[in-house]
């Protein structure tokens, strides 16, 4: 299991509702959440594949951007 963190343009609960179907339908994603309190709106994804491209593409498909954050 891999934890990926992204800086995102997801800003509110309405945005979360928009991206939910996309992220929920990605294979290998076991859990995801967005920290709306963070200035970077950090999206944390638990993934079996560890492929950030699928997450970025899914968000772009519904008009949002995500940038993979470096691991601490």
C-alpha atoms as a PDB file:
ATOM      1  CA  UNK A   1       0.000   0.000   0.000  1.00  0.00           C
ATOM      2  CA  UNK A   2       1.296   3.417  -0.972  1.00  0.00           C
ATOM      3  CA  UNK A   3       0.245   6.790   0.417  1.00  0.00           C
ATOM      4  CA  UNK A   4       0.294   9.598  -2.136  1.00  0.00           C
ATOM      5  CA  UNK A   5      -0.186  13.263  -1.258  1.00  0.00           C
ATOM      6  CA  UNK A   6      -1.162  15.933  -3.750  1.00  0.00           C
ATOM      7  CA  UNK A   7      -1.540  19.693  -3.683  1.00  0.00           C
ATOM      8  CA  UNK A   8      -4.975  20.173  -5.237  1.00  0.00           C
ATOM      9  CA  UNK A   9      -7.485  22.767  -6.413  1.00  0.00           C
ATOM     10  CA  UNK A  10     -10.304  21.053  -4.485  1.00  0.00           C
ATOM     11  CA  UNK A  11     -11.667  23.892  -2.333  1.00  0.00           C
ATOM     12  CA  UNK A  12     -14.995  22.892  -0.798  1.00  0.00           C
ATOM     13  CA  UNK A  13     -17.439  20.085  -0.084  1.00  0.00           C
ATOM     14  CA  UNK A  14     -19.099  20.746  -3.446  1.00  0.00           C
ATOM     15  CA  UNK A  15     -15.748  20.112  -5.130  1.00  0.00           C
ATOM     16  CA  UNK A  16     -15.391  16.897  -3.150  1.00  0.00           C
ATOM     17  CA  UNK A  17     -18.826  15.801  -4.368  1.00  0.00           C
ATOM     18  CA  UNK A  18     -17.689  16.419  -7.950  1.00  0.00           C
ATOM     19  CA  UNK A  19     -14.448  14.440  -7.693  1.00  0.00           C
ATOM     20  CA  UNK A  20     -15.867  11.611  -5.552  1.00  0.00           C
ATOM     21  CA  UNK A  21     -17.243   9.496  -8.425  1.00  0.00           C
ATOM     22  CA  UNK A  22     -13.950   9.797 -10.312  1.00  0.00           C
ATOM     23  CA  UNK A  23     -11.733   8.864  -7.371  1.00  0.00           C
ATOM     24  CA  UNK A  24     -14.097   6.169  -6.095  1.00  0.00           C
ATOM     25  CA  UNK A  25     -14.029   4.444  -9.493  1.00  0.00           C
ATOM     26  CA  UNK A  26     -10.240   4.252  -9.764  1.00  0.00           C
ATOM     27  CA  UNK A  27      -8.956   0.720  -9.393  1.00  0.00           C
ATOM     28  CA  UNK A  28      -6.496   0.194  -6.578  1.00  0.00           C
ATOM     29  CA  UNK A  29      -7.636   3.202  -4.523  1.00  0.00           C
ATOM     30  CA  UNK A  30      -8.641   2.008  -1.072  1.00  0.00           C
ATOM     31  CA  UNK A  31      -9.141   5.374   0.655  1.00  0.00           C
ATOM     32  CA  UNK A  32      -8.833   9.072  -0.104  1.00  0.00           C
ATOM     33  CA  UNK A  33      -9.508  12.342   1.706  1.00  0.00           C
ATOM     34  CA  UNK A  34      -8.971  16.062   1.238  1.00  0.00           C
ATOM     35  CA  UNK A  35      -7.768  18.414   3.969  1.00  0.00           C
ATOM     36  CA  UNK A  36      -9.846  21.516   3.244  1.00  0.00           C
ATOM     37  CA  UNK A  37      -8.154  23.340   6.150  1.00  0.00           C
ATOM     38  CA  UNK A  38      -4.726  23.091   4.521  1.00  0.00           C
ATOM     39  CA  UNK A  39      -3.753  26.016   2.267  1.00  0.00           C
ATOM     40  CA  UNK A  40      -2.612  23.432  -0.306  1.00  0.00           C
ATOM     41  CA  UNK A  41      -5.900  21.479  -0.033  1.00  0.00           C
ATOM     42  CA  UNK A  42      -3.892  18.297   0.384  1.00  0.00           C
ATOM     43  CA  UNK A  43      -5.463  15.220  -1.179  1.00  0.00           C
ATOM     44  CA  UNK A  44      -4.217  12.016   0.480  1.00  0.00           C
ATOM     45  CA  UNK A  45      -4.731   8.778  -1.451  1.00  0.00           C
ATOM     46  CA  UNK A  46      -4.112   5.210  -0.270  1.00  0.00           C
ATOM     47  CA  UNK A  47      -3.298   3.234  -3.404  1.00  0.00           C
ATOM     48  CA  UNK A  48      -2.348  -0.334  -4.166  1.00  0.00           C
ATOM     49  CA  UNK A  49      -0.676   0.655  -7.434  1.00  0.00           C
ATOM     50  CA  UNK A  50       1.074   3.809  -6.219  1.00  0.00           C
ATOM     51  CA  UNK A  51       0.545   5.460  -9.622  1.00  0.00           C
ATOM     52  CA  UNK A  52      -0.011   9.206  -9.207  1.00  0.00           C
ATOM     53  CA  UNK A  53      -0.822   9.669 -12.905  1.00  0.00           C
ATOM     54  CA  UNK A  54      -4.194   7.949 -12.589  1.00  0.00           C
ATOM     55  CA  UNK A  55      -5.235  10.306  -9.776  1.00  0.00           C
ATOM     56  CA  UNK A  56      -4.048  13.407 -11.637  1.00  0.00           C
ATOM     57  CA  UNK A  57      -5.851  12.303 -14.818  1.00  0.00           C
ATOM     58  CA  UNK A  58      -9.083  11.555 -12.949  1.00  0.00           C
ATOM     59  CA  UNK A  59      -9.094  15.020 -11.386  1.00  0.00           C
ATOM     60  CA  UNK A  60      -8.261  16.723 -14.675  1.00  0.00           C
ATOM     61  CA  UNK A  61     -11.218  14.931 -16.292  1.00  0.00           C
ATOM     62  CA  UNK A  62     -13.574  16.894 -14.023  1.00  0.00           C
ATOM     63  CA  UNK A  63     -11.692  20.203 -14.112  1.00  0.00           C
ATOM     64  CA  UNK A  64      -9.372  20.020 -11.106  1.00  0.00           C
ATOM     65  CA  UNK A  65      -5.591  20.084 -10.835  1.00  0.00           C
ATOM     66  CA  UNK A  66      -3.306  18.051  -8.613  1.00  0.00           C
ATOM     67  CA  UNK A  67       0.431  18.112  -8.114  1.00  0.00           C
ATOM     68  CA  UNK A  68       2.234  15.250  -6.412  1.00  0.00           C
ATOM     69  CA  UNK A  69       3.947  16.428  -3.244  1.00  0.00           C
ATOM     70  CA  UNK A  70       7.413  15.074  -2.431  1.00  0.00           C
ATOM     71  CA  UNK A  71       7.601  12.489   0.319  1.00  0.00           C
ATOM     72  CA  UNK A  72       8.852  13.921   3.634  1.00  0.00           C
END
